[in-house]
Amino acid sequence: MIYKDFQDLKLSQLGFGAMRLPVINGKDSDIDQDAANEMVKVAMESGINYFDTAWGYHGGNSEIAMGKALSSYDRSSFYLADKFPGYDLSNMTKVREIFEKQLEKTGAAYFDFYLF
């Protein structure tokens, strides 16, 4: 894997985007957790250390699935990015609430990157 320096971080040049995880029976919100776990395993074994998810992916379930898939890895071994759902202007008054809910859904204590 090729890594690039970003400030004091060493990020894999390839990242793992969780916008399109495998689903069961074609239902976008019903993620195949076993397949997602395997994808993350292969990514980690390949040296990928940047994982990206968002509130709107898979009807809100991408954050949960990625949290489960990454939970067996040392948190210091990867970087996690999430995004604020700014496409819905009514969310602008709930930034802290949504951020905390995203932490809860991923099971993360923190995000390395948070896109607003």
PDB file of N, CA and C in Angstrom:
ATOM      1  N   MET A   1       0.850  -1.177   0.000  1.00  0.00           N
ATOM      2  CA  MET A   1       0.000   0.000   0.000  1.00  0.00           C
ATOM      3  C   MET A   1       0.894   1.238   0.000  1.00  0.00           C
ATOM      4  N   ILE A   2       0.467   2.216  -0.717  1.00  0.00           N
ATOM      5  CA  ILE A   2       1.169   3.496  -0.739  1.00  0.00           C
ATOM      6  C   ILE A   2       0.470   4.421   0.260  1.00  0.00           C
ATOM      7  N   TYR A   3       1.262   5.092   1.070  1.00  0.00           N
ATOM      8  CA  TYR A   3       0.731   6.009   2.071  1.00  0.00           C
ATOM      9  C   TYR A   3       1.178   7.427   1.756  1.00  0.00           C
ATOM     10  N   LYS A   4       0.346   8.370   2.096  1.00  0.00           N
ATOM     11  CA  LYS A   4       0.652   9.788   1.911  1.00  0.00           C
ATOM     12  C   LYS A   4       0.611  10.478   3.271  1.00  0.00           C
ATOM     13  N   ASP A   5       1.542  11.385   3.473  1.00  0.00           N
ATOM     14  CA  ASP A   5       1.544  12.173   4.701  1.00  0.00           C
ATOM     15  C   ASP A   5       0.494  13.272   4.596  1.00  0.00           C
ATOM     16  N   PHE A   6      -0.304  13.374   5.630  1.00  0.00           N
ATOM     17  CA  PHE A   6      -1.283  14.454   5.743  1.00  0.00           C
ATOM     18  C   PHE A   6      -1.131  15.017   7.144  1.00  0.00           C
ATOM     19  N   GLN A   7      -0.537  16.183   7.236  1.00  0.00           N
ATOM     20  CA  GLN A   7      -0.150  16.756   8.528  1.00  0.00           C
ATOM     21  C   GLN A   7       0.695  15.713   9.256  1.00  0.00           C
ATOM     22  N   ASP A   8       0.272  15.228  10.410  1.00  0.00           N
ATOM     23  CA  ASP A   8       1.074  14.229  11.117  1.00  0.00           C
ATOM     24  C   ASP A   8       0.515  12.812  10.960  1.00  0.00           C
ATOM     25  N   LEU A   9      -0.361  12.604   9.984  1.00  0.00           N
ATOM     26  CA  LEU A   9      -0.974  11.296   9.744  1.00  0.00           C
ATOM     27  C   LEU A   9      -0.389  10.646   8.502  1.00  0.00           C
ATOM     28  N   LYS A  10      -0.394   9.310   8.496  1.00  0.00           N
ATOM     29  CA  LYS A  10       0.002   8.554   7.309  1.00  0.00           C
ATOM     30  C   LYS A  10      -1.241   7.838   6.792  1.00  0.00           C
ATOM     31  N   LEU A  11      -1.825   8.391   5.739  1.00  0.00           N
ATOM     32  CA  LEU A  11      -3.071   7.855   5.190  1.00  0.00           C
ATOM     33  C   LEU A  11      -2.795   6.975   3.987  1.00  0.00           C
ATOM     34  N   SER A  12      -3.526   5.866   3.908  1.00  0.00           N
ATOM     35  CA  SER A  12      -3.412   5.029   2.717  1.00  0.00           C
ATOM     36  C   SER A  12      -3.928   5.821   1.518  1.00  0.00           C
ATOM     37  N   GLN A  13      -3.262   5.623   0.388  1.00  0.00           N
ATOM     38  CA  GLN A  13      -3.663   6.364  -0.807  1.00  0.00           C
ATOM     39  C   GLN A  13      -5.045   5.915  -1.281  1.00  0.00           C
ATOM     40  N   LEU A  14      -5.400   4.690  -0.981  1.00  0.00           N
ATOM     41  CA  LEU A  14      -6.746   4.193  -1.261  1.00  0.00           C
ATOM     42  C   LEU A  14      -7.543   4.219   0.031  1.00  0.00           C
ATOM     43  N   GLY A  15      -8.792   4.604  -0.072  1.00  0.00           N
ATOM     44  CA  GLY A  15      -9.674   4.603   1.083  1.00  0.00           C
ATOM     45  C   GLY A  15     -10.843   3.666   0.845  1.00  0.00           C
ATOM     46  N   PHE A  16     -11.589   3.393   1.887  1.00  0.00           N
ATOM     47  CA  PHE A  16     -12.755   2.525   1.822  1.00  0.00           C
ATOM     48  C   PHE A  16     -13.990   3.390   2.029  1.00  0.00           C
ATOM     49  N   GLY A  17     -14.785   3.537   0.983  1.00  0.00           N
ATOM     50  CA  GLY A  17     -16.025   4.298   1.060  1.00  0.00           C
ATOM     51  C   GLY A  17     -17.199   3.371   1.290  1.00  0.00           C
ATOM     52  N   ALA A  18     -18.040   3.691   2.257  1.00  0.00           N
ATOM     53  CA  ALA A  18     -19.138   2.805   2.645  1.00  0.00           C
ATOM     54  C   ALA A  18     -20.490   3.259   2.105  1.00  0.00           C
ATOM     55  N   MET A  19     -20.472   3.948   0.973  1.00  0.00           N
ATOM     56  CA  MET A  19     -21.735   4.387   0.381  1.00  0.00           C
ATOM     57  C   MET A  19     -22.505   3.211  -0.224  1.00  0.00           C
ATOM     58  N   ARG A  20     -21.781   2.225  -0.712  1.00  0.00           N
ATOM     59  CA  ARG A  20     -22.424   1.072  -1.343  1.00  0.00           C
ATOM     60  C   ARG A  20     -21.883  -0.226  -0.761  1.00  0.00           C
ATOM     61  N   LEU A  21     -22.486  -0.650   0.342  1.00  0.00           N
ATOM     62  CA  LEU A  21     -22.135  -1.927   0.951  1.00  0.00           C
ATOM     63  C   LEU A  21     -23.081  -2.996   0.410  1.00  0.00           C
ATOM     64  N   PRO A  22     -22.710  -4.274   0.502  1.00  0.00           N
ATOM     65  CA  PRO A  22     -23.600  -5.339   0.028  1.00  0.00           C
ATOM     66  C   PRO A  22     -24.901  -5.356   0.837  1.00  0.00           C
ATOM     67  N   VAL A  23     -25.991  -5.602   0.158  1.00  0.00           N
ATOM     68  CA  VAL A  23     -27.299  -5.632   0.818  1.00  0.00           C
ATOM     69  C   VAL A  23     -27.965  -6.990   0.635  1.00  0.00           C
ATOM     70  N   ILE A  24     -28.966  -7.233   1.459  1.00  0.00           N
ATOM     71  CA  ILE A  24     -29.730  -8.474   1.402  1.00  0.00           C
ATOM     72  C   ILE A  24     -31.045  -8.197   0.683  1.00  0.00           C
ATOM     73  N   ASN A  25     -31.408  -9.055  -0.254  1.00  0.00           N
ATOM     74  CA  ASN A  25     -32.676  -8.959  -0.986  1.00  0.00           C
ATOM     75  C   ASN A  25     -32.888  -7.621  -1.682  1.00  0.00           C
ATOM     76  N   GLY A  26     -31.806  -6.956  -2.052  1.00  0.00           N
ATOM     77  CA  GLY A  26     -31.909  -5.717  -2.807  1.00  0.00           C
ATOM     78  C   GLY A  26     -32.411  -4.518  -2.029  1.00  0.00           C
ATOM     79  N   LYS A  27     -32.598  -4.667  -0.725  1.00  0.00           N
ATOM     80  CA  LYS A  27     -33.105  -3.569   0.098  1.00  0.00           C
ATOM     81  C   LYS A  27     -31.922  -2.743   0.601  1.00  0.00           C
ATOM     82  N   ASP A  28     -31.844  -1.482   0.191  1.00  0.00           N
ATOM     83  CA  ASP A  28     -30.686  -0.628   0.464  1.00  0.00           C
ATOM     84  C   ASP A  28     -30.363  -0.490   1.947  1.00  0.00           C
ATOM     85  N   SER A  29     -31.365  -0.490   2.798  1.00  0.00           N
ATOM     86  CA  SER A  29     -31.110  -0.292   4.228  1.00  0.00           C
ATOM     87  C   SER A  29     -30.771  -1.592   4.963  1.00  0.00           C
ATOM     88  N   ASP A  30     -30.885  -2.738   4.270  1.00  0.00           N
ATOM     89  CA  ASP A  30     -30.627  -4.044   4.893  1.00  0.00           C
ATOM     90  C   ASP A  30     -29.239  -4.538   4.480  1.00  0.00           C
ATOM     91  N   ILE A  31     -28.226  -4.094   5.190  1.00  0.00           N
ATOM     92  CA  ILE A  31     -26.832  -4.392   4.851  1.00  0.00           C
ATOM     93  C   ILE A  31     -26.487  -5.823   5.248  1.00  0.00           C
ATOM     94  N   ASP A  32     -25.776  -6.502   4.371  1.00  0.00           N
ATOM     95  CA  ASP A  32     -25.252  -7.839   4.662  1.00  0.00           C
ATOM     96  C   ASP A  32     -24.011  -7.654   5.544  1.00  0.00           C
ATOM     97  N   GLN A  33     -24.191  -7.757   6.853  1.00  0.00           N
ATOM     98  CA  GLN A  33     -23.105  -7.460   7.795  1.00  0.00           C
ATOM     99  C   GLN A  33     -21.915  -8.391   7.620  1.00  0.00           C
ATOM    100  N   ASP A  34     -22.171  -9.676   7.361  1.00  0.00           N
ATOM    101  CA  ASP A  34     -21.057 -10.613   7.172  1.00  0.00           C
ATOM    102  C   ASP A  34     -20.200 -10.214   5.975  1.00  0.00           C
ATOM    103  N   ALA A  35     -20.852  -9.828   4.886  1.00  0.00           N
ATOM    104  CA  ALA A  35     -20.105  -9.403   3.692  1.00  0.00           C
ATOM    105  C   ALA A  35     -19.362  -8.092   3.958  1.00  0.00           C
ATOM    106  N   ALA A  36     -19.985  -7.171   4.672  1.00  0.00           N
ATOM    107  CA  ALA A  36     -19.324  -5.904   5.011  1.00  0.00           C
ATOM    108  C   ALA A  36     -18.110  -6.160   5.896  1.00  0.00           C
ATOM    109  N   ASN A  37     -18.252  -7.076   6.857  1.00  0.00           N
ATOM    110  CA  ASN A  37     -17.123  -7.432   7.723  1.00  0.00           C
ATOM    111  C   ASN A  37     -15.964  -7.977   6.899  1.00  0.00           C
ATOM    112  N   GLU A  38     -16.274  -8.829   5.948  1.00  0.00           N
ATOM    113  CA  GLU A  38     -15.228  -9.419   5.098  1.00  0.00           C
ATOM    114  C   GLU A  38     -14.560  -8.350   4.238  1.00  0.00           C
ATOM    115  N   MET A  39     -15.336  -7.429   3.718  1.00  0.00           N
ATOM    116  CA  MET A  39     -14.759  -6.346   2.915  1.00  0.00           C
ATOM    117  C   MET A  39     -13.791  -5.505   3.748  1.00  0.00           C
ATOM    118  N   VAL A  40     -14.178  -5.180   4.960  1.00  0.00           N
ATOM    119  CA  VAL A  40     -13.308  -4.394   5.841  1.00  0.00           C
ATOM    120  C   VAL A  40     -12.058  -5.197   6.182  1.00  0.00           C
ATOM    121  N   LYS A  41     -12.217  -6.486   6.421  1.00  0.00           N
ATOM    122  CA  LYS A  41     -11.067  -7.353   6.721  1.00  0.00           C
ATOM    123  C   LYS A  41     -10.064  -7.335   5.576  1.00  0.00           C
ATOM    124  N   VAL A  42     -10.549  -7.509   4.359  1.00  0.00           N
ATOM    125  CA  VAL A  42      -9.670  -7.493   3.180  1.00  0.00           C
ATOM    126  C   VAL A  42      -9.004  -6.127   3.038  1.00  0.00           C
ATOM    127  N   ALA A  43      -9.763  -5.066   3.261  1.00  0.00           N
ATOM    128  CA  ALA A  43      -9.197  -3.715   3.175  1.00  0.00           C
ATOM    129  C   ALA A  43      -8.078  -3.534   4.198  1.00  0.00           C
ATOM    130  N   MET A  44      -8.336  -3.919   5.437  1.00  0.00           N
ATOM    131  CA  MET A  44      -7.320  -3.776   6.488  1.00  0.00           C
ATOM    132  C   MET A  44      -6.087  -4.618   6.164  1.00  0.00           C
ATOM    133  N   GLU A  45      -6.305  -5.847   5.712  1.00  0.00           N
ATOM    134  CA  GLU A  45      -5.179  -6.723   5.365  1.00  0.00           C
ATOM    135  C   GLU A  45      -4.386  -6.178   4.185  1.00  0.00           C
ATOM    136  N   SER A  46      -5.027  -5.375   3.361  1.00  0.00           N
ATOM    137  CA  SER A  46      -4.368  -4.771   2.196  1.00  0.00           C
ATOM    138  C   SER A  46      -3.675  -3.457   2.548  1.00  0.00           C
ATOM    139  N   GLY A  47      -3.813  -3.016   3.778  1.00  0.00           N
ATOM    140  CA  GLY A  47      -3.145  -1.800   4.219  1.00  0.00           C
ATOM    141  C   GLY A  47      -3.989  -0.544   4.168  1.00  0.00           C
ATOM    142  N   ILE A  48      -5.251  -0.668   3.783  1.00  0.00           N
ATOM    143  CA  ILE A  48      -6.135   0.502   3.775  1.00  0.00           C
ATOM    144  C   ILE A  48      -6.406   0.904   5.223  1.00  0.00           C
ATOM    145  N   ASN A  49      -6.245   2.182   5.509  1.00  0.00           N
ATOM    146  CA  ASN A  49      -6.454   2.643   6.885  1.00  0.00           C
ATOM    147  C   ASN A  49      -7.405   3.843   6.974  1.00  0.00           C
ATOM    148  N   TYR A  50      -8.061   4.187   5.868  1.00  0.00           N
ATOM    149  CA  TYR A  50      -9.004   5.310   5.841  1.00  0.00           C
ATOM    150  C   TYR A  50     -10.381   4.771   5.466  1.00  0.00           C
ATOM    151  N   PHE A  51     -11.353   4.956   6.367  1.00  0.00           N
ATOM    152  CA  PHE A  51     -12.710   4.459   6.165  1.00  0.00           C
ATOM    153  C   PHE A  51     -13.684   5.625   6.272  1.00  0.00           C
ATOM    154  N   ASP A  52     -14.616   5.674   5.328  1.00  0.00           N
ATOM    155  CA  ASP A  52     -15.524   6.805   5.181  1.00  0.00           C
ATOM    156  C   ASP A  52     -16.966   6.314   5.196  1.00  0.00           C
ATOM    157  N   THR A  53     -17.787   6.937   6.003  1.00  0.00           N
ATOM    158  CA  THR A  53     -19.207   6.632   6.030  1.00  0.00           C
ATOM    159  C   THR A  53     -19.977   7.950   6.146  1.00  0.00           C
ATOM    160  N   ALA A  54     -21.293   7.875   6.164  1.00  0.00           N
ATOM    161  CA  ALA A  54     -22.098   9.092   6.270  1.00  0.00           C
ATOM    162  C   ALA A  54     -23.504   8.756   6.752  1.00  0.00           C
ATOM    163  N   TRP A  55     -24.123   9.755   7.325  1.00  0.00           N
ATOM    164  CA  TRP A  55     -25.487   9.678   7.849  1.00  0.00           C
ATOM    165  C   TRP A  55     -26.463   9.145   6.793  1.00  0.00           C
ATOM    166  N   GLY A  56     -26.332   9.596   5.579  1.00  0.00           N
ATOM    167  CA  GLY A  56     -27.309   9.268   4.544  1.00  0.00           C
ATOM    168  C   GLY A  56     -27.077   7.962   3.802  1.00  0.00           C
ATOM    169  N   TYR A  57     -25.965   7.303   4.028  1.00  0.00           N
ATOM    170  CA  TYR A  57     -25.674   6.066   3.295  1.00  0.00           C
ATOM    171  C   TYR A  57     -26.524   4.912   3.840  1.00  0.00           C
ATOM    172  N   HIS A  58     -27.147   4.186   2.938  1.00  0.00           N
ATOM    173  CA  HIS A  58     -27.947   3.003   3.289  1.00  0.00           C
ATOM    174  C   HIS A  58     -29.028   3.329   4.316  1.00  0.00           C
ATOM    175  N   GLY A  59     -29.710   4.428   4.103  1.00  0.00           N
ATOM    176  CA  GLY A  59     -30.798   4.787   5.007  1.00  0.00           C
ATOM    177  C   GLY A  59     -30.344   4.985   6.449  1.00  0.00           C
ATOM    178  N   GLY A  60     -29.102   5.380   6.617  1.00  0.00           N
ATOM    179  CA  GLY A  60     -28.553   5.603   7.953  1.00  0.00           C
ATOM    180  C   GLY A  60     -27.869   4.398   8.564  1.00  0.00           C
ATOM    181  N   ASN A  61     -27.894   3.270   7.874  1.00  0.00           N
ATOM    182  CA  ASN A  61     -27.338   2.043   8.441  1.00  0.00           C
ATOM    183  C   ASN A  61     -25.869   1.801   8.122  1.00  0.00           C
ATOM    184  N   SER A  62     -25.291   2.563   7.225  1.00  0.00           N
ATOM    185  CA  SER A  62     -23.872   2.403   6.905  1.00  0.00           C
ATOM    186  C   SER A  62     -23.004   2.676   8.132  1.00  0.00           C
ATOM    187  N   GLU A  63     -23.355   3.699   8.898  1.00  0.00           N
ATOM    188  CA  GLU A  63     -22.574   4.026  10.098  1.00  0.00           C
ATOM    189  C   GLU A  63     -22.592   2.859  11.089  1.00  0.00           C
ATOM    190  N   ILE A  64     -23.738   2.247  11.258  1.00  0.00           N
ATOM    191  CA  ILE A  64     -23.865   1.108  12.176  1.00  0.00           C
ATOM    192  C   ILE A  64     -23.039  -0.067  11.669  1.00  0.00           C
ATOM    193  N   ALA A  65     -23.185  -0.393  10.386  1.00  0.00           N
ATOM    194  CA  ALA A  65     -22.458  -1.529   9.810  1.00  0.00           C
ATOM    195  C   ALA A  65     -20.952  -1.319   9.862  1.00  0.00           C
ATOM    196  N   MET A  66     -20.504  -0.105   9.568  1.00  0.00           N
ATOM    197  CA  MET A  66     -19.067   0.164   9.614  1.00  0.00           C
ATOM    198  C   MET A  66     -18.555   0.107  11.051  1.00  0.00           C
ATOM    199  N   GLY A  67     -19.342   0.602  11.982  1.00  0.00           N
ATOM    200  CA  GLY A  67     -18.951   0.509  13.388  1.00  0.00           C
ATOM    201  C   GLY A  67     -18.760  -0.930  13.821  1.00  0.00           C
ATOM    202  N   LYS A  68     -19.689  -1.793  13.424  1.00  0.00           N
ATOM    203  CA  LYS A  68     -19.575  -3.219  13.751  1.00  0.00           C
ATOM    204  C   LYS A  68     -18.364  -3.838  13.067  1.00  0.00           C
ATOM    205  N   ALA A  69     -18.179  -3.539  11.792  1.00  0.00           N
ATOM    206  CA  ALA A  69     -17.080  -4.140  11.027  1.00  0.00           C
ATOM    207  C   ALA A  69     -15.713  -3.704  11.549  1.00  0.00           C
ATOM    208  N   LEU A  70     -15.614  -2.477  12.010  1.00  0.00           N
ATOM    209  CA  LEU A  70     -14.324  -1.958  12.487  1.00  0.00           C
ATOM    210  C   LEU A  70     -14.082  -2.223  13.973  1.00  0.00           C
ATOM    211  N   SER A  71     -15.097  -2.692  14.675  1.00  0.00           N
ATOM    212  CA  SER A  71     -14.992  -2.837  16.134  1.00  0.00           C
ATOM    213  C   SER A  71     -13.939  -3.842  16.583  1.00  0.00           C
ATOM    214  N   SER A  72     -13.575  -4.775  15.727  1.00  0.00           N
ATOM    215  CA  SER A  72     -12.582  -5.779  16.128  1.00  0.00           C
ATOM    216  C   SER A  72     -11.143  -5.321  15.880  1.00  0.00           C
ATOM    217  N   TYR A  73     -10.977  -4.107  15.387  1.00  0.00           N
ATOM    218  CA  TYR A  73      -9.638  -3.582  15.100  1.00  0.00           C
ATOM    219  C   TYR A  73      -9.270  -2.502  16.113  1.00  0.00           C
ATOM    220  N   ASP A  74      -7.998  -2.440  16.429  1.00  0.00           N
ATOM    221  CA  ASP A  74      -7.486  -1.397  17.320  1.00  0.00           C
ATOM    222  C   ASP A  74      -7.819  -0.041  16.706  1.00  0.00           C
ATOM    223  N   ARG A  75      -8.470   0.817  17.477  1.00  0.00           N
ATOM    224  CA  ARG A  75      -8.921   2.113  16.945  1.00  0.00           C
ATOM    225  C   ARG A  75      -7.770   2.957  16.420  1.00  0.00           C
ATOM    226  N   SER A  76      -6.586   2.764  16.940  1.00  0.00           N
ATOM    227  CA  SER A  76      -5.443   3.556  16.467  1.00  0.00           C
ATOM    228  C   SER A  76      -4.882   3.049  15.141  1.00  0.00           C
ATOM    229  N   SER A  77      -5.444   1.942  14.617  1.00  0.00           N
ATOM    230  CA  SER A  77      -4.927   1.366  13.368  1.00  0.00           C
ATOM    231  C   SER A  77      -5.640   1.887  12.120  1.00  0.00           C
ATOM    232  N   PHE A  78      -6.655   2.734  12.290  1.00  0.00           N
ATOM    233  CA  PHE A  78      -7.378   3.257  11.133  1.00  0.00           C
ATOM    234  C   PHE A  78      -7.904   4.659  11.427  1.00  0.00           C
ATOM    235  N   TYR A  79      -8.264   5.346  10.351  1.00  0.00           N
ATOM    236  CA  TYR A  79      -8.853   6.681  10.430  1.00  0.00           C
ATOM    237  C   TYR A  79     -10.301   6.575   9.978  1.00  0.00           C
ATOM    238  N   LEU A  80     -11.191   7.204  10.714  1.00  0.00           N
ATOM    239  CA  LEU A  80     -12.614   7.139  10.416  1.00  0.00           C
ATOM    240  C   LEU A  80     -13.139   8.531  10.086  1.00  0.00           C
ATOM    241  N   ALA A  81     -13.824   8.611   8.959  1.00  0.00           N
ATOM    242  CA  ALA A  81     -14.436   9.869   8.524  1.00  0.00           C
ATOM    243  C   ALA A  81     -15.952   9.702   8.496  1.00  0.00           C
ATOM    244  N   ASP A  82     -16.654  10.737   8.877  1.00  0.00           N
ATOM    245  CA  ASP A  82     -18.110  10.769   8.781  1.00  0.00           C
ATOM    246  C   ASP A  82     -18.502  12.153   8.282  1.00  0.00           C
ATOM    247  N   LYS A  83     -19.767  12.293   7.927  1.00  0.00           N
ATOM    248  CA  LYS A  83     -20.220  13.546   7.319  1.00  0.00           C
ATOM    249  C   LYS A  83     -21.506  14.031   7.975  1.00  0.00           C
ATOM    250  N   PHE A  84     -21.607  15.318   8.129  1.00  0.00           N
ATOM    251  CA  PHE A  84     -22.836  15.934   8.616  1.00  0.00           C
ATOM    252  C   PHE A  84     -23.848  15.964   7.472  1.00  0.00           C
ATOM    253  N   PRO A  85     -25.118  15.630   7.747  1.00  0.00           N
ATOM    254  CA  PRO A  85     -26.135  15.639   6.695  1.00  0.00           C
ATOM    255  C   PRO A  85     -26.633  17.051   6.381  1.00  0.00           C
ATOM    256  N   GLY A  86     -25.792  17.840   5.773  1.00  0.00           N
ATOM    257  CA  GLY A  86     -26.113  19.228   5.470  1.00  0.00           C
ATOM    258  C   GLY A  86     -27.110  19.416   4.343  1.00  0.00           C
ATOM    259  N   TYR A  87     -27.428  18.326   3.645  1.00  0.00           N
ATOM    260  CA  TYR A  87     -28.405  18.409   2.555  1.00  0.00           C
ATOM    261  C   TYR A  87     -29.800  18.728   3.076  1.00  0.00           C
ATOM    262  N   ASP A  88     -30.030  18.506   4.372  1.00  0.00           N
ATOM    263  CA  ASP A  88     -31.320  18.815   4.997  1.00  0.00           C
ATOM    264  C   ASP A  88     -31.112  20.034   5.901  1.00  0.00           C
ATOM    265  N   LEU A  89     -31.565  21.190   5.459  1.00  0.00           N
ATOM    266  CA  LEU A  89     -31.317  22.435   6.187  1.00  0.00           C
ATOM    267  C   LEU A  89     -31.901  22.440   7.601  1.00  0.00           C
ATOM    268  N   SER A  90     -32.907  21.620   7.845  1.00  0.00           N
ATOM    269  CA  SER A  90     -33.477  21.566   9.198  1.00  0.00           C
ATOM    270  C   SER A  90     -32.475  20.980  10.197  1.00  0.00           C
ATOM    271  N   ASN A  91     -31.464  20.281   9.690  1.00  0.00           N
ATOM    272  CA  ASN A  91     -30.444  19.707  10.571  1.00  0.00           C
ATOM    273  C   ASN A  91     -29.496  20.755  11.145  1.00  0.00           C
ATOM    274  N   MET A  92     -29.467  21.938  10.569  1.00  0.00           N
ATOM    275  CA  MET A  92     -28.503  22.960  10.979  1.00  0.00           C
ATOM    276  C   MET A  92     -28.667  23.380  12.439  1.00  0.00           C
ATOM    277  N   THR A  93     -29.830  23.165  12.997  1.00  0.00           N
ATOM    278  CA  THR A  93     -30.045  23.516  14.404  1.00  0.00           C
ATOM    279  C   THR A  93     -29.731  22.345  15.335  1.00  0.00           C
ATOM    280  N   LYS A  94     -29.341  21.203  14.760  1.00  0.00           N
ATOM    281  CA  LYS A  94     -29.111  19.996  15.565  1.00  0.00           C
ATOM    282  C   LYS A  94     -27.705  19.426  15.358  1.00  0.00           C
ATOM    283  N   VAL A  95     -26.739  20.270  15.097  1.00  0.00           N
ATOM    284  CA  VAL A  95     -25.387  19.799  14.768  1.00  0.00           C
ATOM    285  C   VAL A  95     -24.825  18.906  15.873  1.00  0.00           C
ATOM    286  N   ARG A  96     -24.820  19.376  17.094  1.00  0.00           N
ATOM    287  CA  ARG A  96     -24.243  18.594  18.197  1.00  0.00           C
ATOM    288  C   ARG A  96     -25.001  17.276  18.394  1.00  0.00           C
ATOM    289  N   GLU A  97     -26.320  17.343  18.377  1.00  0.00           N
ATOM    290  CA  GLU A  97     -27.156  16.151  18.562  1.00  0.00           C
ATOM    291  C   GLU A  97     -26.853  15.104  17.485  1.00  0.00           C
ATOM    292  N   ILE A  98     -26.772  15.526  16.251  1.00  0.00           N
ATOM    293  CA  ILE A  98     -26.500  14.604  15.146  1.00  0.00           C
ATOM    294  C   ILE A  98     -25.091  14.038  15.257  1.00  0.00           C
ATOM    295  N   PHE A  99     -24.121  14.890  15.564  1.00  0.00           N
ATOM    296  CA  PHE A  99     -22.738  14.438  15.724  1.00  0.00           C
ATOM    297  C   PHE A  99     -22.648  13.347  16.798  1.00  0.00           C
ATOM    298  N   GLU A 100     -23.275  13.578  17.931  1.00  0.00           N
ATOM    299  CA  GLU A 100     -23.244  12.596  19.017  1.00  0.00           C
ATOM    300  C   GLU A 100     -23.956  11.307  18.626  1.00  0.00           C
ATOM    301  N   LYS A 101     -25.041  11.420  17.870  1.00  0.00           N
ATOM    302  CA  LYS A 101     -25.752  10.232  17.390  1.00  0.00           C
ATOM    303  C   LYS A 101     -24.862   9.443  16.427  1.00  0.00           C
ATOM    304  N   GLN A 102     -24.108  10.133  15.584  1.00  0.00           N
ATOM    305  CA  GLN A 102     -23.206   9.455  14.658  1.00  0.00           C
ATOM    306  C   GLN A 102     -22.102   8.719  15.417  1.00  0.00           C
ATOM    307  N   LEU A 103     -21.573   9.335  16.454  1.00  0.00           N
ATOM    308  CA  LEU A 103     -20.579   8.640  17.282  1.00  0.00           C
ATOM    309  C   LEU A 103     -21.189   7.376  17.878  1.00  0.00           C
ATOM    310  N   GLU A 104     -22.407   7.500  18.377  1.00  0.00           N
ATOM    311  CA  GLU A 104     -23.101   6.355  18.967  1.00  0.00           C
ATOM    312  C   GLU A 104     -23.323   5.250  17.931  1.00  0.00           C
ATOM    313  N   LYS A 105     -23.788   5.619  16.746  1.00  0.00           N
ATOM    314  CA  LYS A 105     -24.074   4.626  15.706  1.00  0.00           C
ATOM    315  C   LYS A 105     -22.821   3.874  15.265  1.00  0.00           C
ATOM    316  N   THR A 106     -21.698   4.578  15.191  1.00  0.00           N
ATOM    317  CA  THR A 106     -20.451   3.925  14.773  1.00  0.00           C
ATOM    318  C   THR A 106     -19.749   3.235  15.936  1.00  0.00           C
ATOM    319  N   GLY A 107     -20.137   3.571  17.151  1.00  0.00           N
ATOM    320  CA  GLY A 107     -19.451   3.023  18.314  1.00  0.00           C
ATOM    321  C   GLY A 107     -18.084   3.647  18.524  1.00  0.00           C
ATOM    322  N   ALA A 108     -17.833   4.757  17.862  1.00  0.00           N
ATOM    323  CA  ALA A 108     -16.527   5.421  17.941  1.00  0.00           C
ATOM    324  C   ALA A 108     -16.519   6.455  19.062  1.00  0.00           C
ATOM    325  N   ALA A 109     -15.365   6.622  19.666  1.00  0.00           N
ATOM    326  CA  ALA A 109     -15.199   7.673  20.670  1.00  0.00           C
ATOM    327  C   ALA A 109     -14.935   9.012  20.000  1.00  0.00           C
ATOM    328  N   TYR A 110     -14.462   8.941  18.760  1.00  0.00           N
ATOM    329  CA  TYR A 110     -14.119  10.161  18.014  1.00  0.00           C
ATOM    330  C   TYR A 110     -14.049   9.843  16.526  1.00  0.00           C
ATOM    331  N   PHE A 111     -14.145  10.891  15.711  1.00  0.00           N
ATOM    332  CA  PHE A 111     -13.894  10.794  14.275  1.00  0.00           C
ATOM    333  C   PHE A 111     -12.573  11.487  13.991  1.00  0.00           C
ATOM    334  N   ASP A 112     -11.811  10.918  13.097  1.00  0.00           N
ATOM    335  CA  ASP A 112     -10.560  11.556  12.687  1.00  0.00           C
ATOM    336  C   ASP A 112     -10.836  12.705  11.735  1.00  0.00           C
ATOM    337  N   PHE A 113     -11.889  12.550  10.938  1.00  0.00           N
ATOM    338  CA  PHE A 113     -12.299  13.577   9.981  1.00  0.00           C
ATOM    339  C   PHE A 113     -13.814  13.690  10.059  1.00  0.00           C
ATOM    340  N   TYR A 114     -14.301  14.920  10.068  1.00  0.00           N
ATOM    341  CA  TYR A 114     -15.738  15.154  10.062  1.00  0.00           C
ATOM    342  C   TYR A 114     -16.008  16.223   9.026  1.00  0.00           C
ATOM    343  N   LEU A 115     -16.727  15.839   7.982  1.00  0.00           N
ATOM    344  CA  LEU A 115     -16.993  16.753   6.871  1.00  0.00           C
ATOM    345  C   LEU A 115     -18.335  17.422   7.081  1.00  0.00           C
ATOM    346  N   PHE A 116     -18.351  18.710   6.910  1.00  0.00           N
ATOM    347  CA  PHE A 116     -19.549  19.494   7.162  1.00  0.00           C
ATOM    348  C   PHE A 116     -19.999  20.154   5.886  1.00  0.00           C
TER     349      PHE A 116
END
